[in-house]
């Protein structure tokens, strides 16, 4: 691929819109961000994205050849119409691809935010794992599976809901935002850990240990489903509490079975959560 080509990566999150100008090797030439319009209101959102992209193109003096967008929720990848977006309800029923193509005048590739982030994380590994899983821990838990260089499509052609794996069967286990008791999201999401953190933001051992065990149990189920070479952990929770990666790896050793891939490792994702989404969205657009 021509190294002079660039693409815009756009990560539409729950509160921020991040945009970056990215090269085919995943290098960020420039980046900007802005506050997400309330509930993902389409008209202000398209105006904000266009404004951010103009700022980037003026600053970097490079014309992108494509645009990749990472978006949370469930949408039709063929038509671009959003079907379900819990944090962006005003986008439901909207053709986001057409909305942004009209605003930018460039072809737009649309994928889920976690698939975009997972693609960037996988690309950053050297050598790239043949069988790879990325778990991102933030407001909830999202996951991306890449097998033999291809993103595995699950529910509604999306990344699947790996955060709903059950890791605690106790009657009084925590319930996640979707009402699932004992799920991975319920036990390791950011809000749950923030509520249990010390005033300085650190997590006491009494919180770290069961959180690491919950992560290990989730990883074990994924290991039996996909036989990965690497399970990478990232997102805001890991960015702030990287010690959870070692804790999950140590707890995982206690749960291994004869079906667990012998060379499997649990590693920290190489890119911070704020970078992975925009880089991956741009790389997927260039690949397409």
C-alpha atoms as a PDB file:
ATOM      1  CA  UNK A   1       0.000   0.000   0.000  1.00  0.00           C
ATOM      2  CA  UNK A   2       1.205   3.513  -0.813  1.00  0.00           C
ATOM      3  CA  UNK A   3       2.750   4.871   2.421  1.00  0.00           C
ATOM      4  CA  UNK A   4       1.670   8.401   1.479  1.00  0.00           C
ATOM      5  CA  UNK A   5      -2.014   7.464   1.665  1.00  0.00           C
ATOM      6  CA  UNK A   6      -3.923   8.515   4.755  1.00  0.00           C
ATOM      7  CA  UNK A   7      -7.378   7.872   6.165  1.00  0.00           C
ATOM      8  CA  UNK A   8      -9.508   9.578   8.760  1.00  0.00           C
ATOM      9  CA  UNK A   9     -10.392   7.446  11.759  1.00  0.00           C
ATOM     10  CA  UNK A  10     -13.467   8.532  13.711  1.00  0.00           C
ATOM     11  CA  UNK A  11     -14.362   7.044  17.088  1.00  0.00           C
ATOM     12  CA  UNK A  12     -17.844   7.990  18.284  1.00  0.00           C
ATOM     13  CA  UNK A  13     -17.939   7.226  21.997  1.00  0.00           C
ATOM     14  CA  UNK A  14     -20.414   7.750  24.781  1.00  0.00           C
ATOM     15  CA  UNK A  15     -19.266  11.300  25.545  1.00  0.00           C
ATOM     16  CA  UNK A  16     -16.527  12.231  23.024  1.00  0.00           C
ATOM     17  CA  UNK A  17     -15.912  12.141  19.292  1.00  0.00           C
ATOM     18  CA  UNK A  18     -12.264  11.479  18.448  1.00  0.00           C
ATOM     19  CA  UNK A  19     -10.813  11.967  14.976  1.00  0.00           C
ATOM     20  CA  UNK A  20      -7.296  11.162  13.754  1.00  0.00           C
ATOM     21  CA  UNK A  21      -5.400  11.250  10.465  1.00  0.00           C
ATOM     22  CA  UNK A  22      -3.699   7.863  10.181  1.00  0.00           C
ATOM     23  CA  UNK A  23      -1.116   6.290   7.855  1.00  0.00           C
ATOM     24  CA  UNK A  24      -1.238   2.683   6.526  1.00  0.00           C
ATOM     25  CA  UNK A  25       1.248   1.680   9.259  1.00  0.00           C
ATOM     26  CA  UNK A  26      -1.060   2.950  11.986  1.00  0.00           C
ATOM     27  CA  UNK A  27       0.873   6.119  12.779  1.00  0.00           C
ATOM     28  CA  UNK A  28      -1.201   9.113  13.885  1.00  0.00           C
ATOM     29  CA  UNK A  29      -0.239  12.307  12.066  1.00  0.00           C
ATOM     30  CA  UNK A  30      -2.707  14.535  13.905  1.00  0.00           C
ATOM     31  CA  UNK A  31      -5.750  14.203  16.143  1.00  0.00           C
ATOM     32  CA  UNK A  32      -8.614  16.281  17.508  1.00  0.00           C
ATOM     33  CA  UNK A  33     -11.644  15.604  19.705  1.00  0.00           C
ATOM     34  CA  UNK A  34     -14.914  17.208  20.690  1.00  0.00           C
ATOM     35  CA  UNK A  35     -17.844  16.667  23.041  1.00  0.00           C
ATOM     36  CA  UNK A  36     -20.559  14.355  21.681  1.00  0.00           C
ATOM     37  CA  UNK A  37     -23.899  16.105  21.047  1.00  0.00           C
ATOM     38  CA  UNK A  38     -26.556  14.987  23.519  1.00  0.00           C
ATOM     39  CA  UNK A  39     -27.910  11.502  22.754  1.00  0.00           C
ATOM     40  CA  UNK A  40     -26.051  11.490  19.416  1.00  0.00           C
ATOM     41  CA  UNK A  41     -28.315  14.114  17.808  1.00  0.00           C
ATOM     42  CA  UNK A  42     -27.644  13.542  14.052  1.00  0.00           C
ATOM     43  CA  UNK A  43     -27.466  17.118  12.737  1.00  0.00           C
ATOM     44  CA  UNK A  44     -25.076  18.476  15.412  1.00  0.00           C
ATOM     45  CA  UNK A  45     -23.066  15.240  15.218  1.00  0.00           C
ATOM     46  CA  UNK A  46     -22.491  15.506  11.458  1.00  0.00           C
ATOM     47  CA  UNK A  47     -21.613  19.187  11.838  1.00  0.00           C
ATOM     48  CA  UNK A  48     -19.117  18.403  14.611  1.00  0.00           C
ATOM     49  CA  UNK A  49     -17.477  15.577  12.638  1.00  0.00           C
ATOM     50  CA  UNK A  50     -17.141  17.787   9.549  1.00  0.00           C
ATOM     51  CA  UNK A  51     -15.619  20.581  11.647  1.00  0.00           C
ATOM     52  CA  UNK A  52     -13.113  18.252  13.325  1.00  0.00           C
ATOM     53  CA  UNK A  53     -12.086  16.719   9.999  1.00  0.00           C
ATOM     54  CA  UNK A  54     -11.571  20.154   8.415  1.00  0.00           C
ATOM     55  CA  UNK A  55      -9.297  21.110  11.296  1.00  0.00           C
ATOM     56  CA  UNK A  56      -7.230  17.963  10.826  1.00  0.00           C
ATOM     57  CA  UNK A  57      -6.878  18.313   7.063  1.00  0.00           C
ATOM     58  CA  UNK A  58      -5.813  21.966   7.404  1.00  0.00           C
ATOM     59  CA  UNK A  59      -3.300  21.120  10.113  1.00  0.00           C
ATOM     60  CA  UNK A  60      -1.719  18.092   8.434  1.00  0.00           C
ATOM     61  CA  UNK A  61      -1.954  19.303   4.792  1.00  0.00           C
ATOM     62  CA  UNK A  62      -2.874  15.768   3.708  1.00  0.00           C
ATOM     63  CA  UNK A  63      -6.015  14.726   1.879  1.00  0.00           C
ATOM     64  CA  UNK A  64      -7.378  11.420   3.180  1.00  0.00           C
ATOM     65  CA  UNK A  65      -8.583   8.826   0.688  1.00  0.00           C
ATOM     66  CA  UNK A  66     -11.142   7.170   2.990  1.00  0.00           C
ATOM     67  CA  UNK A  67     -12.924   7.487   6.309  1.00  0.00           C
ATOM     68  CA  UNK A  68     -13.446   4.771   8.898  1.00  0.00           C
ATOM     69  CA  UNK A  69     -15.991   5.171  11.682  1.00  0.00           C
ATOM     70  CA  UNK A  70     -16.210   3.147  14.874  1.00  0.00           C
ATOM     71  CA  UNK A  71     -19.705   3.293  16.357  1.00  0.00           C
ATOM     72  CA  UNK A  72     -21.236   1.597  19.413  1.00  0.00           C
ATOM     73  CA  UNK A  73     -24.506  -0.266  19.097  1.00  0.00           C
ATOM     74  CA  UNK A  74     -26.185  -2.509  16.530  1.00  0.00           C
ATOM     75  CA  UNK A  75     -26.452  -1.398  12.930  1.00  0.00           C
ATOM     76  CA  UNK A  76     -26.759  -2.811   9.452  1.00  0.00           C
ATOM     77  CA  UNK A  77     -23.274  -2.749   7.943  1.00  0.00           C
ATOM     78  CA  UNK A  78     -24.697  -3.058   4.423  1.00  0.00           C
ATOM     79  CA  UNK A  79     -27.124  -0.128   4.652  1.00  0.00           C
ATOM     80  CA  UNK A  80     -25.524   1.927   7.428  1.00  0.00           C
ATOM     81  CA  UNK A  81     -28.786   2.251   9.389  1.00  0.00           C
ATOM     82  CA  UNK A  82     -28.491   2.154  13.199  1.00  0.00           C
ATOM     83  CA  UNK A  83     -30.927  -0.278  14.787  1.00  0.00           C
ATOM     84  CA  UNK A  84     -29.999  -0.023  18.476  1.00  0.00           C
ATOM     85  CA  UNK A  85     -27.728   2.429  20.302  1.00  0.00           C
ATOM     86  CA  UNK A  86     -28.309   2.586  24.053  1.00  0.00           C
ATOM     87  CA  UNK A  87     -26.095   5.646  24.630  1.00  0.00           C
ATOM     88  CA  UNK A  88     -26.984   7.351  21.321  1.00  0.00           C
ATOM     89  CA  UNK A  89     -30.779   6.927  21.077  1.00  0.00           C
ATOM     90  CA  UNK A  90     -31.257   9.759  18.553  1.00  0.00           C
ATOM     91  CA  UNK A  91     -29.174   7.809  16.032  1.00  0.00           C
ATOM     92  CA  UNK A  92     -31.595   4.869  16.012  1.00  0.00           C
ATOM     93  CA  UNK A  93     -33.180   4.598  12.575  1.00  0.00           C
ATOM     94  CA  UNK A  94     -30.573   6.978  11.080  1.00  0.00           C
ATOM     95  CA  UNK A  95     -28.363   6.018   8.136  1.00  0.00           C
ATOM     96  CA  UNK A  96     -25.084   7.062   9.765  1.00  0.00           C
ATOM     97  CA  UNK A  97     -22.976   6.135   6.752  1.00  0.00           C
ATOM     98  CA  UNK A  98     -24.977   8.426   4.460  1.00  0.00           C
ATOM     99  CA  UNK A  99     -25.092  11.155   7.124  1.00  0.00           C
ATOM    100  CA  UNK A 100     -21.308  11.275   7.421  1.00  0.00           C
ATOM    101  CA  UNK A 101     -20.583  10.749   3.718  1.00  0.00           C
ATOM    102  CA  UNK A 102     -22.753  13.769   2.926  1.00  0.00           C
ATOM    103  CA  UNK A 103     -20.957  15.795   5.599  1.00  0.00           C
ATOM    104  CA  UNK A 104     -17.432  14.827   4.512  1.00  0.00           C
ATOM    105  CA  UNK A 105     -17.700  14.152   0.793  1.00  0.00           C
ATOM    106  CA  UNK A 106     -15.692  10.950   1.205  1.00  0.00           C
ATOM    107  CA  UNK A 107     -16.490   7.245   1.229  1.00  0.00           C
ATOM    108  CA  UNK A 108     -17.207   6.016   4.765  1.00  0.00           C
ATOM    109  CA  UNK A 109     -16.640   2.523   6.153  1.00  0.00           C
ATOM    110  CA  UNK A 110     -18.726   1.795   9.228  1.00  0.00           C
ATOM    111  CA  UNK A 111     -17.915  -0.811  11.876  1.00  0.00           C
ATOM    112  CA  UNK A 112     -18.427  -1.255  15.593  1.00  0.00           C
ATOM    113  CA  UNK A 113     -16.168   0.660  17.935  1.00  0.00           C
ATOM    114  CA  UNK A 114     -14.797  -2.520  19.526  1.00  0.00           C
ATOM    115  CA  UNK A 115     -14.027  -4.154  16.170  1.00  0.00           C
ATOM    116  CA  UNK A 116     -12.132  -1.029  15.124  1.00  0.00           C
ATOM    117  CA  UNK A 117     -10.183  -0.989  18.384  1.00  0.00           C
ATOM    118  CA  UNK A 118      -9.527  -4.726  18.232  1.00  0.00           C
ATOM    119  CA  UNK A 119      -8.190  -4.458  14.677  1.00  0.00           C
ATOM    120  CA  UNK A 120      -5.722  -1.756  15.735  1.00  0.00           C
ATOM    121  CA  UNK A 121      -4.574  -3.785  18.741  1.00  0.00           C
ATOM    122  CA  UNK A 122      -4.067  -6.899  16.596  1.00  0.00           C
ATOM    123  CA  UNK A 123      -2.143  -4.942  13.979  1.00  0.00           C
ATOM    124  CA  UNK A 124       0.187  -3.572  16.672  1.00  0.00           C
ATOM    125  CA  UNK A 125       1.318  -7.032  17.838  1.00  0.00           C
ATOM    126  CA  UNK A 126       4.492  -8.384  16.245  1.00  0.00           C
ATOM    127  CA  UNK A 127       4.181 -11.054  15.099  1.00  0.00           C
ATOM    128  CA  UNK A 128       0.438 -10.760  14.666  1.00  0.00           C
ATOM    129  CA  UNK A 129      -1.348 -13.622  16.450  1.00  0.00           C
ATOM    130  CA  UNK A 130      -3.126 -16.098  14.197  1.00  0.00           C
ATOM    131  CA  UNK A 131      -6.004 -16.411  16.674  1.00  0.00           C
ATOM    132  CA  UNK A 132      -6.645 -13.258  18.685  1.00  0.00           C
ATOM    133  CA  UNK A 133      -9.216 -11.917  21.150  1.00  0.00           C
ATOM    134  CA  UNK A 134      -9.423  -8.356  22.400  1.00  0.00           C
ATOM    135  CA  UNK A 135     -11.440  -7.473  25.503  1.00  0.00           C
ATOM    136  CA  UNK A 136     -11.976  -3.805  26.255  1.00  0.00           C
ATOM    137  CA  UNK A 137     -13.030  -2.908  29.794  1.00  0.00           C
ATOM    138  CA  UNK A 138     -14.795   0.408  30.176  1.00  0.00           C
ATOM    139  CA  UNK A 139     -18.393   1.382  30.933  1.00  0.00           C
ATOM    140  CA  UNK A 140     -19.115  -2.232  30.005  1.00  0.00           C
ATOM    141  CA  UNK A 141     -17.056  -5.018  28.456  1.00  0.00           C
ATOM    142  CA  UNK A 142     -16.732  -5.381  24.696  1.00  0.00           C
ATOM    143  CA  UNK A 143     -14.869  -7.955  22.672  1.00  0.00           C
ATOM    144  CA  UNK A 144     -13.417  -8.531  19.221  1.00  0.00           C
ATOM    145  CA  UNK A 145     -12.316 -11.887  17.799  1.00  0.00           C
ATOM    146  CA  UNK A 146      -9.849 -12.072  14.884  1.00  0.00           C
ATOM    147  CA  UNK A 147      -9.078 -15.478  13.395  1.00  0.00           C
ATOM    148  CA  UNK A 148      -6.581 -15.875  10.557  1.00  0.00           C
ATOM    149  CA  UNK A 149      -6.635 -12.158   9.829  1.00  0.00           C
ATOM    150  CA  UNK A 150     -10.430 -11.836   9.643  1.00  0.00           C
ATOM    151  CA  UNK A 151     -12.836 -10.275  12.128  1.00  0.00           C
ATOM    152  CA  UNK A 152     -15.376 -12.830  13.324  1.00  0.00           C
ATOM    153  CA  UNK A 153     -18.930 -11.521  12.959  1.00  0.00           C
ATOM    154  CA  UNK A 154     -21.452 -12.520  15.607  1.00  0.00           C
ATOM    155  CA  UNK A 155     -24.769 -11.000  16.688  1.00  0.00           C
ATOM    156  CA  UNK A 156     -26.341  -8.875  13.928  1.00  0.00           C
ATOM    157  CA  UNK A 157     -23.040  -9.009  12.010  1.00  0.00           C
ATOM    158  CA  UNK A 158     -21.351  -7.296  14.955  1.00  0.00           C
ATOM    159  CA  UNK A 159     -18.688  -8.318  17.457  1.00  0.00           C
ATOM    160  CA  UNK A 160     -20.929 -10.330  19.759  1.00  0.00           C
ATOM    161  CA  UNK A 161     -21.709  -9.563  23.374  1.00  0.00           C
ATOM    162  CA  UNK A 162     -18.742 -11.147  25.121  1.00  0.00           C
ATOM    163  CA  UNK A 163     -19.310  -9.027  28.210  1.00  0.00           C
ATOM    164  CA  UNK A 164     -22.425 -11.093  28.965  1.00  0.00           C
ATOM    165  CA  UNK A 165     -20.467 -14.273  29.667  1.00  0.00           C
ATOM    166  CA  UNK A 166     -21.525 -15.505  33.119  1.00  0.00           C
ATOM    167  CA  UNK A 167     -18.603 -15.604  35.559  1.00  0.00           C
ATOM    168  CA  UNK A 168     -20.451 -15.611  38.906  1.00  0.00           C
ATOM    169  CA  UNK A 169     -23.466 -17.871  39.557  1.00  0.00           C
ATOM    170  CA  UNK A 170     -24.157 -16.734  43.125  1.00  0.00           C
ATOM    171  CA  UNK A 171     -27.726 -15.635  43.838  1.00  0.00           C
ATOM    172  CA  UNK A 172     -26.454 -12.248  45.021  1.00  0.00           C
ATOM    173  CA  UNK A 173     -24.006 -11.682  42.149  1.00  0.00           C
ATOM    174  CA  UNK A 174     -23.957  -8.142  40.715  1.00  0.00           C
ATOM    175  CA  UNK A 175     -26.233  -7.267  37.806  1.00  0.00           C
ATOM    176  CA  UNK A 176     -24.987  -5.385  34.733  1.00  0.00           C
ATOM    177  CA  UNK A 177     -26.710  -2.524  32.916  1.00  0.00           C
ATOM    178  CA  UNK A 178     -28.657  -4.946  30.720  1.00  0.00           C
ATOM    179  CA  UNK A 179     -29.979  -6.864  33.731  1.00  0.00           C
ATOM    180  CA  UNK A 180     -27.691  -9.903  33.378  1.00  0.00           C
ATOM    181  CA  UNK A 181     -26.689 -11.239  36.798  1.00  0.00           C
ATOM    182  CA  UNK A 182     -23.109 -12.390  37.328  1.00  0.00           C
ATOM    183  CA  UNK A 183     -21.866 -11.293  33.906  1.00  0.00           C
ATOM    184  CA  UNK A 184     -18.309 -10.300  33.114  1.00  0.00           C
ATOM    185  CA  UNK A 185     -19.500  -6.730  32.554  1.00  0.00           C
ATOM    186  CA  UNK A 186     -21.187  -6.618  35.951  1.00  0.00           C
ATOM    187  CA  UNK A 187     -17.994  -7.581  37.767  1.00  0.00           C
ATOM    188  CA  UNK A 188     -15.202  -5.816  35.877  1.00  0.00           C
ATOM    189  CA  UNK A 189     -16.772  -2.705  34.311  1.00  0.00           C
ATOM    190  CA  UNK A 190     -15.480   0.753  35.136  1.00  0.00           C
ATOM    191  CA  UNK A 191     -18.463   1.993  37.191  1.00  0.00           C
ATOM    192  CA  UNK A 192     -18.380  -1.099  39.437  1.00  0.00           C
ATOM    193  CA  UNK A 193     -14.665  -0.673  40.124  1.00  0.00           C
ATOM    194  CA  UNK A 194     -14.923   3.085  40.620  1.00  0.00           C
ATOM    195  CA  UNK A 195     -17.532   2.519  43.302  1.00  0.00           C
ATOM    196  CA  UNK A 196     -15.119   0.205  45.157  1.00  0.00           C
ATOM    197  CA  UNK A 197     -11.944   2.265  44.640  1.00  0.00           C
ATOM    198  CA  UNK A 198     -10.013   4.146  47.293  1.00  0.00           C
ATOM    199  CA  UNK A 199     -10.216   7.969  47.315  1.00  0.00           C
ATOM    200  CA  UNK A 200      -6.954   8.105  45.326  1.00  0.00           C
ATOM    201  CA  UNK A 201      -8.421   5.836  42.648  1.00  0.00           C
ATOM    202  CA  UNK A 202      -6.447   2.724  43.608  1.00  0.00           C
ATOM    203  CA  UNK A 203      -8.152  -0.636  44.037  1.00  0.00           C
ATOM    204  CA  UNK A 204      -7.658  -2.491  47.322  1.00  0.00           C
ATOM    205  CA  UNK A 205      -6.582  -6.123  47.239  1.00  0.00           C
ATOM    206  CA  UNK A 206     -10.060  -7.171  48.350  1.00  0.00           C
ATOM    207  CA  UNK A 207     -11.381  -5.736  45.051  1.00  0.00           C
ATOM    208  CA  UNK A 208      -8.477  -6.617  42.763  1.00  0.00           C
ATOM    209  CA  UNK A 209      -8.453 -10.321  43.602  1.00  0.00           C
ATOM    210  CA  UNK A 210     -12.112 -11.151  42.759  1.00  0.00           C
ATOM    211  CA  UNK A 211     -11.971  -8.864  39.712  1.00  0.00           C
ATOM    212  CA  UNK A 212      -8.942 -10.761  38.406  1.00  0.00           C
ATOM    213  CA  UNK A 213     -10.726 -14.076  39.044  1.00  0.00           C
ATOM    214  CA  UNK A 214     -13.787 -12.880  37.113  1.00  0.00           C
ATOM    215  CA  UNK A 215     -11.550 -11.876  34.201  1.00  0.00           C
ATOM    216  CA  UNK A 216      -9.795 -15.252  34.300  1.00  0.00           C
ATOM    217  CA  UNK A 217     -13.119 -17.112  34.209  1.00  0.00           C
ATOM    218  CA  UNK A 218     -14.240 -15.073  31.222  1.00  0.00           C
ATOM    219  CA  UNK A 219     -10.942 -15.707  29.460  1.00  0.00           C
ATOM    220  CA  UNK A 220     -11.266 -19.441  30.119  1.00  0.00           C
ATOM    221  CA  UNK A 221     -14.649 -19.564  28.390  1.00  0.00           C
ATOM    222  CA  UNK A 222     -13.256 -17.632  25.437  1.00  0.00           C
ATOM    223  CA  UNK A 223     -10.241 -19.948  25.303  1.00  0.00           C
ATOM    224  CA  UNK A 224     -12.536 -22.963  25.009  1.00  0.00           C
ATOM    225  CA  UNK A 225     -14.627 -21.246  22.319  1.00  0.00           C
ATOM    226  CA  UNK A 226     -11.859 -19.886  20.078  1.00  0.00           C
ATOM    227  CA  UNK A 227      -8.526 -21.479  21.088  1.00  0.00           C
ATOM    228  CA  UNK A 228      -6.726 -18.106  20.853  1.00  0.00           C
ATOM    229  CA  UNK A 229      -2.989 -17.530  20.865  1.00  0.00           C
ATOM    230  CA  UNK A 230      -3.449 -14.197  22.664  1.00  0.00           C
ATOM    231  CA  UNK A 231      -6.180 -12.604  24.740  1.00  0.00           C
ATOM    232  CA  UNK A 232      -5.382  -8.893  24.957  1.00  0.00           C
ATOM    233  CA  UNK A 233      -6.946  -6.763  27.695  1.00  0.00           C
ATOM    234  CA  UNK A 234      -7.410  -3.031  27.172  1.00  0.00           C
ATOM    235  CA  UNK A 235      -9.749  -0.099  27.596  1.00  0.00           C
ATOM    236  CA  UNK A 236     -10.015   2.522  30.314  1.00  0.00           C
ATOM    237  CA  UNK A 237     -10.082   0.069  33.227  1.00  0.00           C
ATOM    238  CA  UNK A 238      -6.830  -1.570  32.131  1.00  0.00           C
ATOM    239  CA  UNK A 239      -5.254   1.800  31.309  1.00  0.00           C
ATOM    240  CA  UNK A 240      -5.854   2.829  34.933  1.00  0.00           C
ATOM    241  CA  UNK A 241      -5.330  -0.587  36.551  1.00  0.00           C
ATOM    242  CA  UNK A 242      -2.768  -2.527  34.462  1.00  0.00           C
ATOM    243  CA  UNK A 243      -2.104  -4.789  37.449  1.00  0.00           C
ATOM    244  CA  UNK A 244      -5.348  -6.577  36.574  1.00  0.00           C
ATOM    245  CA  UNK A 245      -3.615  -8.184  33.566  1.00  0.00           C
ATOM    246  CA  UNK A 246      -1.080 -10.046  35.719  1.00  0.00           C
ATOM    247  CA  UNK A 247      -3.785 -10.845  38.245  1.00  0.00           C
ATOM    248  CA  UNK A 248      -6.006 -12.382  35.565  1.00  0.00           C
ATOM    249  CA  UNK A 249      -3.082 -14.379  34.145  1.00  0.00           C
ATOM    250  CA  UNK A 250      -2.194 -15.792  37.565  1.00  0.00           C
ATOM    251  CA  UNK A 251      -5.821 -16.695  38.297  1.00  0.00           C
ATOM    252  CA  UNK A 252      -6.200 -18.217  34.829  1.00  0.00           C
ATOM    253  CA  UNK A 253      -3.462 -20.733  35.640  1.00  0.00           C
ATOM    254  CA  UNK A 254      -5.754 -22.233  38.288  1.00  0.00           C
ATOM    255  CA  UNK A 255      -8.558 -22.827  35.767  1.00  0.00           C
ATOM    256  CA  UNK A 256      -6.622 -24.271  32.817  1.00  0.00           C
ATOM    257  CA  UNK A 257      -7.943 -27.487  31.324  1.00  0.00           C
ATOM    258  CA  UNK A 258      -6.586 -30.036  28.863  1.00  0.00           C
ATOM    259  CA  UNK A 259      -8.472 -28.124  26.139  1.00  0.00           C
ATOM    260  CA  UNK A 260      -6.794 -24.798  26.895  1.00  0.00           C
ATOM    261  CA  UNK A 261      -4.233 -23.912  24.189  1.00  0.00           C
ATOM    262  CA  UNK A 262      -0.838 -24.576  25.827  1.00  0.00           C
ATOM    263  CA  UNK A 263       0.777 -21.438  24.375  1.00  0.00           C
ATOM    264  CA  UNK A 264      -2.108 -19.095  25.146  1.00  0.00           C
ATOM    265  CA  UNK A 265      -1.100 -15.890  26.899  1.00  0.00           C
ATOM    266  CA  UNK A 266      -3.096 -13.068  28.436  1.00  0.00           C
ATOM    267  CA  UNK A 267      -1.409  -9.760  27.675  1.00  0.00           C
ATOM    268  CA  UNK A 268      -2.005  -6.060  28.023  1.00  0.00           C
ATOM    269  CA  UNK A 269      -3.206  -4.523  24.753  1.00  0.00           C
ATOM    270  CA  UNK A 270      -0.389  -2.414  23.274  1.00  0.00           C
ATOM    271  CA  UNK A 271      -2.477   0.685  22.483  1.00  0.00           C
ATOM    272  CA  UNK A 272      -4.303   2.888  25.007  1.00  0.00           C
ATOM    273  CA  UNK A 273      -8.057   2.888  24.675  1.00  0.00           C
ATOM    274  CA  UNK A 274      -8.242   6.484  23.414  1.00  0.00           C
ATOM    275  CA  UNK A 275      -5.977   5.648  20.443  1.00  0.00           C
ATOM    276  CA  UNK A 276      -7.122   2.171  19.420  1.00  0.00           C
ATOM    277  CA  UNK A 277     -10.553   3.133  18.086  1.00  0.00           C
ATOM    278  CA  UNK A 278      -9.460   5.917  15.736  1.00  0.00           C
ATOM    279  CA  UNK A 279      -6.425   4.001  14.467  1.00  0.00           C
ATOM    280  CA  UNK A 280      -8.390   0.821  13.840  1.00  0.00           C
ATOM    281  CA  UNK A 281     -11.245   2.637  12.090  1.00  0.00           C
ATOM    282  CA  UNK A 282      -8.782   4.302   9.723  1.00  0.00           C
ATOM    283  CA  UNK A 283      -6.884   1.056   9.049  1.00  0.00           C
ATOM    284  CA  UNK A 284     -10.098  -0.803   8.245  1.00  0.00           C
ATOM    285  CA  UNK A 285     -11.069   1.965   5.804  1.00  0.00           C
ATOM    286  CA  UNK A 286      -7.681   1.785   4.079  1.00  0.00           C
ATOM    287  CA  UNK A 287      -7.909  -2.014   3.920  1.00  0.00           C
ATOM    288  CA  UNK A 288     -11.309  -1.812   2.249  1.00  0.00           C
END
